[in-house]
Amino acid sequence: MKPFIPKTVILCITILFFQTASAQVTDIELQELKGEWKLDMSPQDTTDKNFAVMRINEIDRSSVKGTFYREGVKIKEGRVNIQLGIIYVALVSGDNSGIYNTAFYYKDDKLYGTTHAVDRGFLSVWIAQKQPKN
């Protein structure tokens, strides 16, 4: 005869699992994202020198502030999600050429992301390296 496990016990274990995964990202790890990041906008082409810059000025467990693509283009609606123990960020930015929706995650000291240029009709895949402090 199989042991009976009540649904409430399974629910409690599931909730505890997700809370533990979320707790794995510390505020210190979030602060590691602060600073300037160099985005390789075409990582599949090592001869291309198409780079952009993102500066993260503020970050916490729910939001991010800074600039994206170039100096002066402010991050709007920057959101952070750490529910799975991984830092995910989504943001909106824009300049005279249109609106950009960007999402990325942090892994092994790099950012892996995509930027959708809504008004220009393309999706860019990029990898970013943090730049040393001057």
N, C-alpha and C. Protein backbone atom coordinates (compact mmCIF):
# COMPACT_ATOMS: atom_id res chain seq x y z
N MET A 1 0.83 -1.17 0.00
CA MET A 1 0.00 0.00 0.00
C MET A 1 0.88 1.25 0.00
N LYS A 2 0.57 2.20 -0.89
CA LYS A 2 1.35 3.44 -0.99
C LYS A 2 1.01 4.36 0.18
N PRO A 3 2.04 5.09 0.66
CA PRO A 3 1.74 6.05 1.73
C PRO A 3 0.90 7.21 1.18
N PHE A 4 0.00 7.69 2.01
CA PHE A 4 -0.87 8.80 1.62
C PHE A 4 -0.22 10.11 2.03
N ILE A 5 -0.06 11.03 1.06
CA ILE A 5 0.49 12.36 1.35
C ILE A 5 -0.62 13.38 1.06
N PRO A 6 -1.09 14.06 2.10
CA PRO A 6 -2.17 15.03 1.89
C PRO A 6 -1.74 16.15 0.93
N LYS A 7 -2.70 16.68 0.20
CA LYS A 7 -2.43 17.76 -0.76
C LYS A 7 -1.87 18.99 -0.06
N THR A 8 -2.28 19.26 1.16
CA THR A 8 -1.78 20.44 1.87
C THR A 8 -0.28 20.31 2.15
N VAL A 9 0.19 19.08 2.42
CA VAL A 9 1.62 18.86 2.64
C VAL A 9 2.39 19.12 1.35
N ILE A 10 1.88 18.62 0.24
CA ILE A 10 2.52 18.85 -1.06
C ILE A 10 2.55 20.34 -1.39
N LEU A 11 1.45 21.05 -1.12
CA LEU A 11 1.39 22.49 -1.36
C LEU A 11 2.41 23.23 -0.51
N CYS A 12 2.52 22.87 0.75
CA CYS A 12 3.49 23.53 1.64
C CYS A 12 4.93 23.30 1.18
N ILE A 13 5.22 22.08 0.75
CA ILE A 13 6.57 21.77 0.25
C ILE A 13 6.86 22.58 -1.01
N THR A 14 5.89 22.69 -1.90
CA THR A 14 6.06 23.47 -3.13
C THR A 14 6.32 24.94 -2.82
N ILE A 15 5.54 25.50 -1.92
CA ILE A 15 5.72 26.92 -1.54
C ILE A 15 7.10 27.11 -0.92
N LEU A 16 7.50 26.21 -0.03
CA LEU A 16 8.81 26.31 0.61
C LEU A 16 9.92 26.23 -0.42
N PHE A 17 9.79 25.35 -1.43
CA PHE A 17 10.78 25.23 -2.48
C PHE A 17 10.97 26.55 -3.21
N PHE A 18 9.86 27.19 -3.63
CA PHE A 18 9.97 28.43 -4.39
C PHE A 18 10.47 29.58 -3.53
N GLN A 19 10.13 29.61 -2.26
CA GLN A 19 10.66 30.64 -1.38
C GLN A 19 12.16 30.46 -1.20
N THR A 20 12.61 29.23 -1.09
CA THR A 20 14.04 28.95 -0.95
C THR A 20 14.79 29.35 -2.22
N ALA A 21 14.24 29.04 -3.38
CA ALA A 21 14.88 29.41 -4.65
C ALA A 21 14.99 30.91 -4.76
N SER A 22 13.95 31.62 -4.37
CA SER A 22 13.96 33.08 -4.42
C SER A 22 15.01 33.65 -3.46
N ALA A 23 15.14 33.02 -2.31
CA ALA A 23 16.08 33.51 -1.31
C ALA A 23 17.53 33.29 -1.73
N GLN A 24 17.77 32.46 -2.73
CA GLN A 24 19.13 32.19 -3.16
C GLN A 24 19.80 33.42 -3.76
N VAL A 25 19.05 34.34 -4.32
CA VAL A 25 19.61 35.59 -4.83
C VAL A 25 19.64 36.58 -3.69
N THR A 26 20.83 37.04 -3.34
CA THR A 26 20.97 37.98 -2.24
C THR A 26 21.03 39.40 -2.76
N ASP A 27 20.84 40.34 -1.84
CA ASP A 27 20.95 41.75 -2.21
C ASP A 27 22.36 42.07 -2.69
N ILE A 28 23.35 41.36 -2.15
CA ILE A 28 24.73 41.58 -2.59
C ILE A 28 24.88 41.19 -4.05
N GLU A 29 24.31 40.06 -4.45
CA GLU A 29 24.37 39.64 -5.85
C GLU A 29 23.69 40.65 -6.76
N LEU A 30 22.55 41.18 -6.32
CA LEU A 30 21.88 42.20 -7.12
C LEU A 30 22.77 43.42 -7.31
N GLN A 31 23.49 43.81 -6.27
CA GLN A 31 24.34 44.99 -6.35
C GLN A 31 25.51 44.79 -7.31
N GLU A 32 25.87 43.53 -7.58
CA GLU A 32 26.93 43.25 -8.55
C GLU A 32 26.55 43.71 -9.95
N LEU A 33 25.27 43.88 -10.21
CA LEU A 33 24.83 44.33 -11.53
C LEU A 33 25.00 45.84 -11.71
N LYS A 34 25.18 46.57 -10.62
CA LYS A 34 25.39 48.01 -10.72
C LYS A 34 26.68 48.29 -11.48
N GLY A 35 26.61 49.31 -12.34
CA GLY A 35 27.80 49.69 -13.08
C GLY A 35 27.53 49.75 -14.57
N GLU A 36 28.61 49.81 -15.33
CA GLU A 36 28.51 49.92 -16.79
C GLU A 36 28.76 48.57 -17.45
N TRP A 37 27.90 48.24 -18.40
CA TRP A 37 27.97 46.99 -19.14
C TRP A 37 28.14 47.29 -20.62
N LYS A 38 29.06 46.59 -21.27
CA LYS A 38 29.28 46.71 -22.71
C LYS A 38 28.52 45.58 -23.39
N LEU A 39 27.56 45.94 -24.23
CA LEU A 39 26.71 44.97 -24.91
C LEU A 39 27.23 44.71 -26.31
N ASP A 40 27.56 43.46 -26.59
CA ASP A 40 27.92 43.05 -27.94
C ASP A 40 26.62 42.73 -28.65
N MET A 41 26.21 43.64 -29.55
CA MET A 41 24.90 43.55 -30.19
C MET A 41 24.83 42.51 -31.30
N SER A 42 25.97 41.93 -31.66
CA SER A 42 25.96 40.85 -32.65
C SER A 42 27.03 39.82 -32.26
N PRO A 43 26.76 39.07 -31.18
CA PRO A 43 27.78 38.14 -30.66
C PRO A 43 28.14 37.01 -31.61
N GLN A 44 27.32 36.74 -32.60
CA GLN A 44 27.61 35.67 -33.56
C GLN A 44 28.69 36.08 -34.55
N ASP A 45 28.98 37.38 -34.65
CA ASP A 45 29.97 37.89 -35.60
C ASP A 45 31.12 38.53 -34.83
N THR A 46 32.21 37.79 -34.68
CA THR A 46 33.34 38.29 -33.88
C THR A 46 34.10 39.43 -34.56
N THR A 47 33.87 39.66 -35.85
CA THR A 47 34.55 40.75 -36.54
C THR A 47 33.77 42.06 -36.44
N ASP A 48 32.51 41.98 -36.04
CA ASP A 48 31.66 43.16 -35.95
C ASP A 48 31.97 43.92 -34.66
N LYS A 49 31.98 45.20 -34.74
CA LYS A 49 32.25 46.04 -33.57
C LYS A 49 30.99 46.82 -33.18
N ASN A 50 29.83 46.16 -33.25
CA ASN A 50 28.55 46.78 -32.93
C ASN A 50 28.28 46.63 -31.43
N PHE A 51 28.60 47.67 -30.66
CA PHE A 51 28.45 47.64 -29.22
C PHE A 51 27.52 48.74 -28.75
N ALA A 52 26.88 48.48 -27.62
CA ALA A 52 26.06 49.48 -26.94
C ALA A 52 26.47 49.45 -25.47
N VAL A 53 25.93 50.38 -24.70
CA VAL A 53 26.28 50.48 -23.29
C VAL A 53 25.00 50.54 -22.45
N MET A 54 25.03 49.83 -21.33
CA MET A 54 23.96 49.95 -20.34
C MET A 54 24.61 50.30 -19.02
N ARG A 55 24.05 51.27 -18.35
CA ARG A 55 24.53 51.63 -17.02
C ARG A 55 23.40 51.39 -16.03
N ILE A 56 23.67 50.51 -15.06
CA ILE A 56 22.69 50.25 -14.00
C ILE A 56 23.10 51.08 -12.80
N ASN A 57 22.26 52.06 -12.46
CA ASN A 57 22.54 52.96 -11.34
C ASN A 57 21.94 52.46 -10.03
N GLU A 58 20.73 51.88 -10.12
CA GLU A 58 20.04 51.39 -8.94
C GLU A 58 19.36 50.07 -9.28
N ILE A 59 19.42 49.12 -8.34
CA ILE A 59 18.72 47.84 -8.52
C ILE A 59 18.33 47.30 -7.16
N ASP A 60 17.13 46.74 -7.08
CA ASP A 60 16.70 46.03 -5.88
C ASP A 60 15.88 44.83 -6.31
N ARG A 61 15.18 44.20 -5.42
CA ARG A 61 14.46 42.97 -5.74
C ARG A 61 13.25 43.16 -6.65
N SER A 62 12.92 44.41 -6.97
CA SER A 62 11.75 44.60 -7.84
C SER A 62 11.97 45.58 -8.99
N SER A 63 13.00 46.41 -8.93
CA SER A 63 13.15 47.42 -9.99
C SER A 63 14.61 47.72 -10.30
N VAL A 64 14.80 48.34 -11.47
CA VAL A 64 16.14 48.73 -11.91
C VAL A 64 16.04 50.11 -12.56
N LYS A 65 17.07 50.94 -12.35
CA LYS A 65 17.13 52.28 -12.95
C LYS A 65 18.50 52.49 -13.56
N GLY A 66 18.53 53.27 -14.63
CA GLY A 66 19.79 53.58 -15.28
C GLY A 66 19.56 54.05 -16.70
N THR A 67 20.53 53.75 -17.58
CA THR A 67 20.42 54.11 -18.99
C THR A 67 20.69 52.87 -19.83
N PHE A 68 20.11 52.86 -21.04
CA PHE A 68 20.29 51.72 -21.93
C PHE A 68 20.58 52.19 -23.34
N TYR A 69 21.51 51.58 -23.97
CA TYR A 69 21.96 51.78 -25.34
C TYR A 69 23.02 52.87 -25.45
N ARG A 70 22.72 54.03 -24.94
CA ARG A 70 23.72 55.10 -24.89
C ARG A 70 23.34 56.06 -23.77
N GLU A 71 24.28 56.89 -23.39
CA GLU A 71 24.08 57.84 -22.30
C GLU A 71 22.89 58.74 -22.61
N GLY A 72 22.04 58.95 -21.64
CA GLY A 72 20.88 59.82 -21.80
C GLY A 72 19.58 59.11 -22.14
N VAL A 73 19.65 57.85 -22.58
CA VAL A 73 18.43 57.08 -22.88
C VAL A 73 18.06 56.32 -21.61
N LYS A 74 17.11 56.87 -20.86
CA LYS A 74 16.76 56.33 -19.55
C LYS A 74 15.97 55.04 -19.64
N ILE A 75 16.25 54.16 -18.68
CA ILE A 75 15.46 52.95 -18.51
C ILE A 75 14.12 53.35 -17.91
N LYS A 76 13.04 52.86 -18.55
CA LYS A 76 11.70 53.08 -18.03
C LYS A 76 11.11 51.72 -17.68
N GLU A 77 10.30 51.69 -16.69
CA GLU A 77 9.60 50.44 -16.32
C GLU A 77 10.56 49.28 -16.14
N GLY A 78 11.70 49.50 -15.52
CA GLY A 78 12.66 48.44 -15.27
C GLY A 78 12.18 47.53 -14.14
N ARG A 79 12.05 46.25 -14.40
CA ARG A 79 11.55 45.29 -13.42
C ARG A 79 12.52 44.13 -13.23
N VAL A 80 12.59 43.63 -12.00
CA VAL A 80 13.48 42.53 -11.64
C VAL A 80 12.63 41.37 -11.13
N ASN A 81 13.04 40.14 -11.49
CA ASN A 81 12.37 38.94 -11.00
C ASN A 81 13.45 37.95 -10.59
N ILE A 82 13.36 37.47 -9.34
CA ILE A 82 14.35 36.51 -8.83
C ILE A 82 13.67 35.24 -8.32
N GLN A 83 12.46 34.97 -8.75
CA GLN A 83 11.68 33.85 -8.22
C GLN A 83 12.36 32.50 -8.39
N LEU A 84 13.12 32.30 -9.42
CA LEU A 84 13.75 30.99 -9.67
C LEU A 84 15.20 30.95 -9.22
N GLY A 85 15.63 31.95 -8.44
CA GLY A 85 17.01 31.99 -7.99
C GLY A 85 17.98 32.52 -9.03
N ILE A 86 17.43 33.06 -10.11
CA ILE A 86 18.21 33.67 -11.18
C ILE A 86 17.73 35.11 -11.32
N ILE A 87 18.64 36.03 -11.59
CA ILE A 87 18.24 37.43 -11.75
C ILE A 87 17.80 37.66 -13.19
N TYR A 88 16.51 37.97 -13.36
CA TYR A 88 15.94 38.34 -14.66
C TYR A 88 15.53 39.81 -14.58
N VAL A 89 15.75 40.54 -15.68
CA VAL A 89 15.38 41.95 -15.74
C VAL A 89 14.68 42.21 -17.06
N ALA A 90 13.65 43.04 -17.02
CA ALA A 90 12.99 43.53 -18.23
C ALA A 90 12.86 45.04 -18.11
N LEU A 91 12.99 45.71 -19.24
CA LEU A 91 12.92 47.17 -19.22
C LEU A 91 12.42 47.70 -20.55
N VAL A 92 12.01 48.94 -20.52
CA VAL A 92 11.61 49.67 -21.73
C VAL A 92 12.52 50.88 -21.83
N SER A 93 12.96 51.18 -23.03
CA SER A 93 13.73 52.40 -23.28
C SER A 93 13.31 52.94 -24.63
N GLY A 94 13.80 54.09 -24.97
CA GLY A 94 13.44 54.65 -26.27
C GLY A 94 14.17 55.94 -26.55
N ASP A 95 14.32 56.21 -27.84
CA ASP A 95 14.93 57.46 -28.28
C ASP A 95 14.16 57.94 -29.51
N ASN A 96 14.76 58.79 -30.31
CA ASN A 96 14.08 59.32 -31.49
C ASN A 96 13.75 58.26 -32.54
N SER A 97 14.41 57.09 -32.44
CA SER A 97 14.14 56.04 -33.43
C SER A 97 13.03 55.09 -32.99
N GLY A 98 12.55 55.21 -31.75
CA GLY A 98 11.43 54.39 -31.32
C GLY A 98 11.57 53.79 -29.94
N ILE A 99 10.71 52.82 -29.67
CA ILE A 99 10.62 52.14 -28.39
C ILE A 99 11.39 50.81 -28.45
N TYR A 100 12.08 50.48 -27.34
CA TYR A 100 12.84 49.24 -27.25
C TYR A 100 12.40 48.47 -26.01
N ASN A 101 12.04 47.21 -26.19
CA ASN A 101 11.75 46.31 -25.08
C ASN A 101 12.93 45.37 -24.92
N THR A 102 13.49 45.33 -23.73
CA THR A 102 14.70 44.56 -23.48
C THR A 102 14.47 43.63 -22.30
N ALA A 103 15.01 42.42 -22.40
CA ALA A 103 14.99 41.47 -21.29
C ALA A 103 16.33 40.76 -21.24
N PHE A 104 16.81 40.46 -20.03
CA PHE A 104 18.07 39.75 -19.89
C PHE A 104 18.12 39.01 -18.57
N TYR A 105 19.08 38.09 -18.49
CA TYR A 105 19.34 37.39 -17.23
C TYR A 105 20.84 37.40 -16.96
N TYR A 106 21.20 37.23 -15.70
CA TYR A 106 22.59 37.28 -15.24
C TYR A 106 23.09 35.87 -14.95
N LYS A 107 24.22 35.50 -15.60
CA LYS A 107 24.80 34.18 -15.38
C LYS A 107 26.30 34.25 -15.62
N ASP A 108 27.06 33.71 -14.69
CA ASP A 108 28.52 33.63 -14.83
C ASP A 108 29.16 34.98 -15.17
N ASP A 109 28.74 36.01 -14.46
CA ASP A 109 29.29 37.37 -14.59
C ASP A 109 29.00 38.02 -15.95
N LYS A 110 28.01 37.52 -16.68
CA LYS A 110 27.60 38.12 -17.95
C LYS A 110 26.09 38.31 -17.96
N LEU A 111 25.65 39.20 -18.82
CA LEU A 111 24.22 39.38 -19.08
C LEU A 111 23.92 38.80 -20.45
N TYR A 112 22.85 38.04 -20.55
CA TYR A 112 22.40 37.45 -21.81
C TYR A 112 21.01 38.02 -22.08
N GLY A 113 20.87 38.74 -23.22
CA GLY A 113 19.60 39.40 -23.42
C GLY A 113 19.14 39.53 -24.85
N THR A 114 17.95 40.10 -24.96
CA THR A 114 17.36 40.43 -26.25
C THR A 114 16.79 41.84 -26.17
N THR A 115 16.81 42.52 -27.29
CA THR A 115 16.18 43.84 -27.40
C THR A 115 15.32 43.84 -28.65
N HIS A 116 14.05 44.15 -28.46
CA HIS A 116 13.09 44.22 -29.55
C HIS A 116 12.87 45.69 -29.89
N ALA A 117 13.27 46.08 -31.08
CA ALA A 117 13.06 47.45 -31.57
C ALA A 117 11.67 47.49 -32.20
N VAL A 118 10.69 47.92 -31.43
CA VAL A 118 9.29 47.85 -31.85
C VAL A 118 9.05 48.60 -33.16
N ASP A 119 9.52 49.83 -33.25
CA ASP A 119 9.25 50.66 -34.43
C ASP A 119 10.19 50.39 -35.59
N ARG A 120 11.25 49.64 -35.34
CA ARG A 120 12.21 49.35 -36.41
C ARG A 120 12.13 47.91 -36.90
N GLY A 121 11.30 47.09 -36.22
CA GLY A 121 11.01 45.75 -36.70
C GLY A 121 12.15 44.75 -36.62
N PHE A 122 12.96 44.78 -35.55
CA PHE A 122 13.98 43.75 -35.42
C PHE A 122 14.15 43.34 -33.96
N LEU A 123 14.72 42.17 -33.79
CA LEU A 123 15.04 41.63 -32.47
C LEU A 123 16.54 41.35 -32.43
N SER A 124 17.23 41.98 -31.51
CA SER A 124 18.66 41.80 -31.36
C SER A 124 18.94 40.88 -30.17
N VAL A 125 19.85 39.94 -30.35
CA VAL A 125 20.32 39.07 -29.28
C VAL A 125 21.71 39.56 -28.89
N TRP A 126 21.97 39.71 -27.60
CA TRP A 126 23.25 40.27 -27.19
C TRP A 126 23.79 39.59 -25.92
N ILE A 127 25.08 39.80 -25.71
CA ILE A 127 25.78 39.36 -24.50
C ILE A 127 26.55 40.56 -23.98
N ALA A 128 26.51 40.77 -22.66
CA ALA A 128 27.18 41.94 -22.09
C ALA A 128 28.22 41.54 -21.05
N GLN A 129 29.31 42.29 -21.05
CA GLN A 129 30.38 42.16 -20.07
C GLN A 129 30.41 43.42 -19.22
N LYS A 130 30.59 43.25 -17.92
CA LYS A 130 30.71 44.40 -17.04
C LYS A 130 32.06 45.06 -17.26
N GLN A 131 32.04 46.38 -17.32
CA GLN A 131 33.26 47.14 -17.54
C GLN A 131 33.91 47.49 -16.20
N PRO A 132 35.24 47.48 -16.16
CA PRO A 132 35.90 47.82 -14.89
C PRO A 132 35.63 49.27 -14.53
N LYS A 133 35.61 49.51 -13.22
CA LYS A 133 35.42 50.88 -12.73
C LYS A 133 36.65 51.70 -13.06
N ASN A 134 36.41 52.96 -13.45
CA ASN A 134 37.55 53.85 -13.78
C ASN A 134 38.17 54.39 -12.53
